[in-house]
Amino acid sequence: MPVSNPYFPSSKLSEVKFRQILKCFSIDFTATASAALTKVSVRSVNALFLRLRVRLIHVCKYPCSSDIPSINEEHEYASPCLQMEGCIGQTIVFGIHQRNGIVSTEVFGKEARALLQILLRGDPLQAASFPPGARGHLEGVVDMQFDRFFPVGASQIPRSCLEETSLAESFWRFARHRLQKFKGLPVHTFHLHLKECEFRFNHRHEDLYPILLKLLRQSPL
């Protein structure tokens, strides 16, 4: 018996409805707007959006879709929450890395306060100041509480000496604009939305719908 929805086999959604919702997601419609357009409940759309955002975390980790591991939803959703453990009840601080024109983000945990103190004093970051496991080239740090971007490394050069805004700052402007539309996010879901911003920014010149279709065809939800 053929699968009615090859992109999400365990779902009751038909392939037609799934494609409609995915199209809305790729255009960056809210769950409420998507539900109204597709005639699917907001609860169902939110559940699908959650799965898609969790999948994007692994897409960012494994840029080649064929490398994305097949893991269940419970484990997928637990993974980003563990990375947020050090930020519960604290200011959310994350770093923006850049390598070969590709941006990646990393939420910092308990070391965030010490890192912010160094940046507020204007001191140069030493290797020992970098959070454990920081990957790529750190170009910026964002303090969500005060909505502030701190340039790091080459990005600390005065803007008058630069031809254009750094990629890290461009990403932060993009992410801030997207995150503001949610009018506040729970700490435990912030990482999901940040990684979605990362994926969208790195594909900002492309049509996300065929990219997502191909991804989910190769590795269904």
Protein backbone atom coordinates (compact mmCIF):
# COMPACT_ATOMS: atom_id res chain seq x y z
CA MET A 1 0.00 0.00 0.00
CA PRO A 2 1.60 3.31 -1.05
CA VAL A 3 2.30 5.93 1.62
CA SER A 4 -0.21 8.78 1.34
CA ASN A 5 2.33 11.34 2.51
CA PRO A 6 5.95 10.35 1.79
CA TYR A 7 7.27 13.51 3.49
CA PHE A 8 5.59 12.74 6.82
CA PRO A 9 4.45 9.07 6.74
CA SER A 10 3.10 8.94 10.30
CA SER A 11 0.93 12.03 9.86
CA LYS A 12 -2.78 12.08 9.07
CA LEU A 13 -2.18 15.05 6.79
CA SER A 14 -2.48 14.33 3.09
CA GLU A 15 0.45 15.13 0.85
CA VAL A 16 -1.53 18.00 -0.67
CA LYS A 17 -2.20 19.61 2.72
CA PHE A 18 1.36 18.96 3.84
CA ARG A 19 2.74 20.70 0.76
CA GLN A 20 0.42 23.66 1.34
CA ILE A 21 1.61 24.05 4.94
CA LEU A 22 5.25 23.59 3.92
CA LYS A 23 4.80 26.31 1.31
CA CYS A 24 3.50 28.65 4.01
CA PHE A 25 6.45 27.75 6.24
CA SER A 26 8.92 28.43 3.44
CA ILE A 27 7.35 31.86 2.85
CA ASP A 28 7.64 32.47 6.62
CA PHE A 29 3.95 32.79 7.39
CA THR A 30 2.90 32.45 11.03
CA ALA A 31 1.13 29.30 12.18
CA THR A 32 -2.13 31.24 12.56
CA ALA A 33 -1.97 32.64 9.02
CA SER A 34 -0.98 29.23 7.64
CA ALA A 35 -3.89 27.55 9.40
CA ALA A 36 -6.34 30.07 7.96
CA LEU A 37 -4.99 29.60 4.43
CA THR A 38 -4.83 25.80 4.50
CA LYS A 39 -7.98 25.13 6.59
CA VAL A 40 -5.94 23.04 9.02
CA SER A 41 -6.13 23.63 12.78
CA VAL A 42 -3.58 25.97 14.35
CA ARG A 43 -2.61 23.16 16.73
CA SER A 44 -1.75 20.83 13.83
CA VAL A 45 0.16 23.55 11.99
CA ASN A 46 2.10 24.44 15.14
CA ALA A 47 2.98 20.78 15.67
CA LEU A 48 4.27 20.51 12.10
CA PHE A 49 6.21 23.77 12.38
CA LEU A 50 7.84 22.43 15.54
CA ARG A 51 8.96 19.28 13.73
CA LEU A 52 10.29 21.32 10.83
CA ARG A 53 12.27 23.61 13.15
CA VAL A 54 13.74 20.64 14.98
CA ARG A 55 14.73 19.14 11.63
CA LEU A 56 16.42 22.41 10.62
CA ILE A 57 18.67 22.15 13.68
CA HIS A 58 20.08 18.93 12.26
CA VAL A 59 20.25 20.37 8.76
CA CYS A 60 22.45 23.16 10.14
CA LYS A 61 24.59 20.57 11.91
CA TYR A 62 24.78 18.27 8.88
CA PRO A 63 24.77 20.54 5.78
CA CYS A 64 24.65 17.49 3.50
CA SER A 65 21.10 16.17 3.81
CA SER A 66 22.20 12.59 3.23
CA ASP A 67 24.18 12.81 6.49
CA ILE A 68 21.19 13.73 8.65
CA PRO A 69 20.66 10.94 11.18
CA SER A 70 17.27 9.29 11.46
CA ILE A 71 16.18 9.91 15.04
CA ASN A 72 12.81 10.04 16.73
CA GLU A 73 11.01 13.24 17.64
CA GLU A 74 11.53 12.85 21.39
CA HIS A 75 15.31 12.71 21.01
CA GLU A 76 15.30 15.47 18.40
CA TYR A 77 13.44 17.86 20.65
CA ALA A 78 15.52 17.00 23.71
CA SER A 79 18.79 17.80 21.96
CA PRO A 80 18.34 21.60 21.59
CA CYS A 81 16.87 21.89 25.09
CA LEU A 82 20.04 20.44 26.57
CA GLN A 83 22.04 23.19 24.88
CA MET A 84 19.83 25.78 26.58
CA GLU A 85 20.26 24.31 30.08
CA GLY A 86 22.84 26.88 31.17
CA CYS A 87 20.57 29.77 30.15
CA ILE A 88 17.43 28.91 32.09
CA GLY A 89 16.56 31.92 34.21
CA GLN A 90 19.50 33.85 32.79
CA THR A 91 20.17 36.24 29.94
CA ILE A 92 20.29 34.48 26.58
CA VAL A 93 23.61 35.14 24.89
CA PHE A 94 24.69 33.58 21.61
CA GLY A 95 27.65 33.76 19.30
CA ILE A 96 27.62 34.23 15.54
CA HIS A 97 30.30 32.36 13.61
CA GLN A 98 31.19 32.80 9.96
CA ARG A 99 33.21 30.64 7.64
CA ASN A 100 33.30 30.86 3.84
CA GLY A 101 30.21 33.04 3.80
CA ILE A 102 28.15 30.61 5.89
CA VAL A 103 26.79 31.74 9.25
CA SER A 104 26.36 29.44 12.24
CA THR A 105 25.09 30.24 15.73
CA GLU A 106 25.77 28.88 19.17
CA VAL A 107 23.90 29.62 22.40
CA PHE A 108 26.29 30.14 25.30
CA GLY A 109 25.62 28.76 28.75
CA LYS A 110 27.20 29.55 32.11
CA GLU A 111 30.20 31.24 30.54
CA ALA A 112 27.99 33.98 29.03
CA ARG A 113 28.25 36.38 31.98
CA ALA A 114 32.07 36.40 32.00
CA LEU A 115 32.11 36.79 28.22
CA LEU A 116 29.76 39.80 28.39
CA GLN A 117 31.92 41.47 31.04
CA ILE A 118 34.95 41.23 28.75
CA LEU A 119 33.00 42.67 25.82
CA LEU A 120 31.47 45.49 27.88
CA ARG A 121 34.95 46.55 29.01
CA GLY A 122 36.07 46.55 25.39
CA ASP A 123 38.87 44.11 26.10
CA PRO A 124 40.09 41.89 23.25
CA LEU A 125 38.96 38.30 23.48
CA GLN A 126 41.72 35.84 24.21
CA ALA A 127 41.56 32.17 23.29
CA ALA A 128 40.74 31.33 26.91
CA SER A 129 37.70 33.62 26.76
CA PHE A 130 35.99 31.65 24.03
CA PRO A 131 33.25 29.26 25.14
CA PRO A 132 34.22 25.57 25.11
CA GLY A 133 33.66 23.95 21.74
CA ALA A 134 33.12 27.23 19.89
CA ARG A 135 33.38 26.38 16.22
CA GLY A 136 34.23 28.41 13.15
CA HIS A 137 35.30 32.03 13.39
CA LEU A 138 33.45 34.00 16.06
CA GLU A 139 32.47 37.36 14.57
CA GLY A 140 29.83 38.58 16.96
CA VAL A 141 28.08 38.04 20.27
CA VAL A 142 24.46 39.00 20.95
CA ASP A 143 22.97 39.83 24.35
CA MET A 144 19.23 39.25 23.95
CA GLN A 145 18.28 40.99 27.20
CA PHE A 146 19.59 44.36 26.03
CA ASP A 147 19.17 43.68 22.30
CA ARG A 148 22.86 44.40 21.77
CA PHE A 149 25.35 43.13 19.20
CA PHE A 150 29.05 42.99 20.11
CA PRO A 151 31.49 42.71 17.18
CA VAL A 152 34.35 40.30 17.78
CA GLY A 153 37.71 39.82 16.05
CA ALA A 154 37.86 41.28 12.55
CA SER A 155 34.38 42.71 13.09
CA GLN A 156 35.80 45.06 15.75
CA ILE A 157 37.40 47.21 13.03
CA PRO A 158 35.63 50.61 12.92
CA ARG A 159 32.88 50.58 10.34
CA SER A 160 34.40 53.57 8.53
CA CYS A 161 37.24 51.22 7.59
CA LEU A 162 34.90 48.61 6.17
CA GLU A 163 33.19 48.57 2.81
CA GLU A 164 30.04 46.99 4.22
CA THR A 165 28.42 45.65 7.37
CA SER A 166 29.92 42.40 8.63
CA LEU A 167 28.10 39.19 7.82
CA ALA A 168 27.56 38.58 11.53
CA GLU A 169 25.84 41.93 12.01
CA SER A 170 23.78 41.41 8.87
CA PHE A 171 22.60 38.10 10.30
CA TRP A 172 21.72 39.70 13.62
CA ARG A 173 19.59 42.35 11.89
CA PHE A 174 17.86 39.61 9.93
CA ALA A 175 17.29 37.43 13.01
CA ARG A 176 16.11 40.32 15.18
CA HIS A 177 13.51 41.31 12.60
CA ARG A 178 12.22 37.72 12.41
CA LEU A 179 12.19 37.10 16.16
CA GLN A 180 10.33 40.33 16.92
CA LYS A 181 7.22 39.08 15.15
CA PHE A 182 6.76 36.40 17.83
CA LYS A 183 6.48 39.08 20.54
CA GLY A 184 8.44 37.00 23.03
CA LEU A 185 9.69 33.42 22.95
CA PRO A 186 9.99 30.82 25.75
CA VAL A 187 13.61 30.15 26.63
CA HIS A 188 13.25 26.44 25.87
CA THR A 189 12.20 27.12 22.26
CA PHE A 190 14.57 30.01 21.52
CA HIS A 191 17.24 27.69 20.11
CA LEU A 192 14.73 26.30 17.60
CA HIS A 193 13.90 29.73 16.26
CA LEU A 194 17.53 30.85 16.23
CA LYS A 195 18.54 27.86 14.11
CA GLU A 196 15.61 28.52 11.79
CA CYS A 197 16.94 32.06 11.34
CA GLU A 198 20.37 30.60 10.59
CA PHE A 199 18.95 28.29 7.92
CA ARG A 200 16.87 31.04 6.32
CA PHE A 201 19.76 33.51 6.30
CA ASN A 202 22.16 31.07 4.68
CA HIS A 203 19.55 30.39 1.96
CA ARG A 204 18.25 33.95 1.73
CA HIS A 205 18.83 34.14 -2.03
CA GLU A 206 17.06 30.84 -2.73
CA ASP A 207 13.51 29.51 -2.83
CA LEU A 208 13.17 27.46 0.36
CA TYR A 209 10.18 25.41 -0.78
CA PRO A 210 12.01 23.09 -3.24
CA ILE A 211 14.97 22.89 -0.84
CA LEU A 212 12.71 21.69 1.98
CA LEU A 213 10.84 19.30 -0.30
CA LYS A 214 14.09 17.68 -1.41
CA LEU A 215 15.33 17.48 2.16
CA LEU A 216 12.15 15.82 3.42
CA ARG A 217 11.96 13.50 0.43
CA GLN A 218 15.41 12.19 1.31
CA SER A 219 14.82 12.18 5.07
CA PRO A 220 11.08 12.19 5.96
CA LEU A 221 9.79 13.53 9.25
